[in-house]
N, C-alpha and C. Protein backbone atom coordinates (compact mmCIF):
# COMPACT_ATOMS: atom_id res chain seq x y z
N MET A 1 -57.99 34.51 67.42
CA MET A 1 -57.61 33.64 67.07
C MET A 1 -58.23 33.70 65.41
N ALA A 2 -59.06 34.07 65.18
CA ALA A 2 -59.90 34.40 63.95
C ALA A 2 -58.88 35.46 63.19
N SER A 3 -58.47 36.07 64.03
CA SER A 3 -58.08 37.34 62.76
C SER A 3 -56.51 37.01 62.67
N THR A 4 -56.01 36.03 63.35
CA THR A 4 -54.25 35.80 63.06
C THR A 4 -54.42 34.63 62.22
N ASN A 5 -55.88 34.00 61.64
CA ASN A 5 -56.05 32.84 60.43
C ASN A 5 -56.41 34.03 59.70
N ASP A 6 -56.87 35.08 59.35
CA ASP A 6 -57.21 35.73 58.34
C ASP A 6 -56.05 36.53 57.77
N ALA A 7 -55.11 36.74 59.10
CA ALA A 7 -53.59 37.43 58.23
C ALA A 7 -52.95 36.46 57.86
N MET A 8 -52.60 35.05 58.39
CA MET A 8 -51.97 34.16 57.80
C MET A 8 -52.39 33.86 56.24
N ARG A 9 -53.60 33.58 55.80
CA ARG A 9 -54.14 33.74 54.79
C ARG A 9 -54.23 34.32 53.93
N GLN A 10 -53.96 35.64 54.20
CA GLN A 10 -53.70 37.16 53.48
C GLN A 10 -52.28 37.11 53.18
N ILE A 11 -51.33 36.61 53.99
CA ILE A 11 -49.89 36.63 53.83
C ILE A 11 -49.52 35.45 52.87
N THR A 12 -50.13 34.28 52.90
CA THR A 12 -50.23 32.97 51.88
C THR A 12 -50.70 33.67 50.76
N GLU A 13 -51.87 34.08 50.84
CA GLU A 13 -52.33 34.55 49.45
C GLU A 13 -51.21 35.60 48.66
N GLN A 14 -50.68 36.71 49.44
CA GLN A 14 -49.76 37.31 48.70
C GLN A 14 -48.45 36.77 48.20
N GLY A 15 -48.06 35.47 49.04
CA GLY A 15 -46.95 35.22 48.80
C GLY A 15 -46.82 34.13 47.49
N ARG A 16 -48.23 34.00 47.48
CA ARG A 16 -48.68 33.09 46.08
C ARG A 16 -48.69 33.88 44.96
N GLU A 17 -49.57 34.77 45.11
CA GLU A 17 -49.53 36.35 43.80
C GLU A 17 -47.97 36.39 43.39
N SER A 18 -47.28 36.81 44.72
CA SER A 18 -45.98 37.25 44.20
C SER A 18 -45.13 36.09 43.52
N GLY A 19 -45.58 34.99 43.68
CA GLY A 19 -44.57 33.69 43.14
C GLY A 19 -45.03 33.98 41.89
N GLU A 20 -46.38 33.76 41.57
CA GLU A 20 -46.81 33.63 39.87
C GLU A 20 -46.17 34.89 39.20
N LEU A 21 -46.37 36.11 39.80
CA LEU A 21 -45.27 37.45 39.07
C LEU A 21 -44.21 37.03 38.63
N MET A 22 -43.41 36.74 40.01
CA MET A 22 -42.11 35.88 39.49
C MET A 22 -41.78 34.97 38.46
N THR A 23 -42.56 34.44 38.43
CA THR A 23 -42.85 33.18 37.22
C THR A 23 -43.15 33.81 36.02
N GLU A 24 -43.82 34.73 36.33
CA GLU A 24 -44.00 35.68 34.52
C GLU A 24 -42.82 36.37 34.20
N ILE A 25 -41.92 36.95 35.32
CA ILE A 25 -41.25 38.04 35.26
C ILE A 25 -39.63 36.68 33.92
N ALA A 26 -39.71 35.89 34.83
CA ALA A 26 -38.36 34.86 34.66
C ALA A 26 -38.81 34.25 33.04
N LYS A 27 -40.21 33.87 32.90
CA LYS A 27 -40.76 33.45 31.21
C LYS A 27 -40.33 34.96 30.72
N ASP A 28 -40.44 36.03 30.92
CA ASP A 28 -40.16 37.23 30.08
C ASP A 28 -38.80 37.26 29.53
N THR A 29 -38.15 37.07 30.84
CA THR A 29 -36.65 37.42 30.54
C THR A 29 -36.09 36.38 30.14
N ARG A 30 -36.76 34.95 29.60
CA ARG A 30 -35.72 34.22 29.27
C ARG A 30 -36.16 34.29 27.57
N GLU A 31 -37.19 35.35 27.10
CA GLU A 31 -37.68 35.33 26.14
C GLU A 31 -36.68 36.22 25.42
N ASP A 32 -36.31 37.62 26.43
CA ASP A 32 -35.81 38.63 25.79
C ASP A 32 -34.47 38.13 25.62
N SER A 33 -33.81 37.13 26.56
CA SER A 33 -32.55 36.61 26.43
C SER A 33 -32.18 36.06 25.34
N TYR A 34 -33.24 35.23 24.80
CA TYR A 34 -33.34 34.64 23.38
C TYR A 34 -33.01 35.53 22.24
N ALA A 35 -34.03 36.76 22.12
CA ALA A 35 -33.99 37.60 21.23
C ALA A 35 -32.48 38.31 21.69
N MET A 36 -32.14 38.76 22.52
CA MET A 36 -30.68 39.05 22.99
C MET A 36 -29.73 38.60 21.97
N LYS A 37 -29.67 37.30 21.86
CA LYS A 37 -28.95 36.52 21.91
C LYS A 37 -28.60 36.19 20.23
N SER A 38 -30.15 36.11 19.60
CA SER A 38 -30.06 36.13 18.00
C SER A 38 -29.53 37.57 17.59
N ILE A 39 -29.72 38.98 18.31
CA ILE A 39 -29.17 40.24 17.91
C ILE A 39 -27.72 40.29 18.06
N ALA A 40 -27.43 39.59 18.90
CA ALA A 40 -26.02 39.65 18.71
C ALA A 40 -25.34 38.46 17.85
N ILE A 41 -25.71 37.43 17.31
CA ILE A 41 -25.29 36.31 16.55
C ILE A 41 -25.13 37.04 15.28
N LEU A 42 -26.30 37.72 14.77
CA LEU A 42 -26.87 38.60 13.85
C LEU A 42 -25.48 39.82 13.88
N THR A 43 -25.36 40.33 14.64
CA THR A 43 -24.29 41.65 14.41
C THR A 43 -23.15 40.95 14.52
N MET A 44 -22.38 40.24 15.22
CA MET A 44 -21.19 39.28 14.49
C MET A 44 -21.04 38.67 13.02
N PHE A 45 -22.12 38.55 12.83
CA PHE A 45 -22.15 38.24 11.17
C PHE A 45 -21.93 39.44 10.60
N TYR A 46 -22.53 40.06 10.22
CA TYR A 46 -23.10 41.63 9.40
C TYR A 46 -21.74 42.34 9.66
N LEU A 47 -21.68 42.75 11.19
CA LEU A 47 -20.67 43.79 11.29
C LEU A 47 -19.24 44.15 10.50
N PRO A 48 -18.29 42.91 10.93
CA PRO A 48 -17.33 42.65 10.23
C PRO A 48 -17.33 42.87 8.36
N ARG A 49 -18.28 42.57 8.22
CA ARG A 49 -18.56 43.10 6.74
C ARG A 49 -18.95 44.14 6.11
N ALA A 50 -19.60 44.44 7.11
CA ALA A 50 -19.89 46.43 6.85
C ALA A 50 -18.61 47.34 7.25
N PHE A 51 -17.90 46.72 7.86
CA PHE A 51 -16.49 47.52 8.45
C PHE A 51 -15.83 47.35 7.01
N VAL A 52 -15.33 46.14 6.50
CA VAL A 52 -14.94 45.64 5.46
C VAL A 52 -15.55 46.71 4.26
N THR A 53 -16.75 46.54 4.28
CA THR A 53 -17.27 47.38 2.86
C THR A 53 -16.92 48.58 2.91
N VAL A 54 -16.75 49.39 4.31
CA VAL A 54 -16.53 51.09 4.61
C VAL A 54 -15.13 50.97 4.34
N CYS A 55 -14.38 50.15 4.45
CA CYS A 55 -12.92 50.21 4.72
C CYS A 55 -12.07 50.30 3.57
N SER A 56 -12.76 49.47 2.26
CA SER A 56 -12.38 48.82 1.27
C SER A 56 -11.95 50.02 0.41
N PRO A 57 -13.33 51.12 -0.06
CA PRO A 57 -13.29 52.18 -0.50
C PRO A 57 -12.28 53.54 -0.09
N LEU A 58 -12.32 53.24 1.33
CA LEU A 58 -11.51 54.01 1.95
C LEU A 58 -10.01 54.11 1.68
N CYS A 59 -9.42 52.64 1.77
CA CYS A 59 -8.14 52.50 1.36
C CYS A 59 -8.12 52.68 -0.03
N ASP A 60 -8.85 52.19 -1.14
CA ASP A 60 -8.61 52.72 -2.44
C ASP A 60 -8.26 54.36 -2.42
N ALA A 61 -9.55 54.98 -1.81
CA ALA A 61 -9.35 56.57 -1.67
C ALA A 61 -7.69 56.86 -1.39
N VAL A 62 -7.41 56.39 -0.39
CA VAL A 62 -5.77 56.92 0.15
C VAL A 62 -4.75 56.32 -0.86
N GLU A 63 -5.17 55.06 -1.34
CA GLU A 63 -4.01 54.21 -2.21
C GLU A 63 -3.92 55.75 -3.67
N MET A 64 -4.92 56.08 -3.98
CA MET A 64 -5.00 56.94 -4.94
C MET A 64 -4.43 58.41 -4.62
N LEU A 65 -4.58 58.74 -3.42
CA LEU A 65 -4.13 60.05 -2.90
C LEU A 65 -2.52 60.04 -2.76
N ILE A 66 -2.11 58.79 -2.16
CA ILE A 66 -0.72 58.88 -1.47
C ILE A 66 0.09 58.36 -2.97
N GLY A 67 -0.32 57.42 -3.84
CA GLY A 67 0.43 56.91 -4.93
C GLY A 67 0.90 55.70 -4.44
N TYR A 68 0.99 55.19 -3.33
CA TYR A 68 1.53 54.10 -2.94
C TYR A 68 0.84 52.88 -2.57
N ARG A 69 1.30 51.37 -3.37
CA ARG A 69 0.68 50.57 -3.88
C ARG A 69 0.41 49.84 -2.15
N HIS A 70 1.25 50.00 -1.47
CA HIS A 70 1.01 49.42 0.19
C HIS A 70 0.09 50.35 0.99
N SER A 71 -0.62 51.43 0.32
CA SER A 71 -1.17 52.37 1.37
C SER A 71 -2.22 51.33 1.98
N ARG A 72 -3.00 50.29 1.20
CA ARG A 72 -4.24 49.68 1.90
C ARG A 72 -3.93 48.86 3.35
N TYR A 73 -2.41 48.59 3.32
CA TYR A 73 -1.73 48.09 4.42
C TYR A 73 -1.43 48.76 5.44
N LEU A 74 -1.43 50.14 5.57
CA LEU A 74 -0.62 51.22 6.00
C LEU A 74 -2.28 51.95 6.60
N ALA A 75 -3.30 52.18 5.82
CA ALA A 75 -4.41 52.74 5.95
C ALA A 75 -5.08 51.70 6.76
N CYS A 76 -5.37 50.60 6.54
CA CYS A 76 -6.11 49.64 7.11
C CYS A 76 -5.97 48.47 8.39
N ASN A 77 -4.74 48.53 8.43
CA ASN A 77 -3.92 47.91 9.61
C ASN A 77 -3.17 48.74 10.49
N SER A 78 -3.19 50.20 10.70
CA SER A 78 -2.73 51.18 11.93
C SER A 78 -3.92 51.37 12.79
């Protein structure tokens, strides 16, 4: 009977330790989620501006090469 009680205590202690580890993992995951959301918001804010910054000189170069005033529409919207 004593060995059964010891085994039950050991299982209970392992379960408690496992629960504490799961709680730590959940907290770390929540913090990581906040960081990922921040990165996504910053990316959504800056990426379109970066694309326009790169596309604008490219469209100007195409316009100069072709000599067609509406090449900006053709190059950037195709």
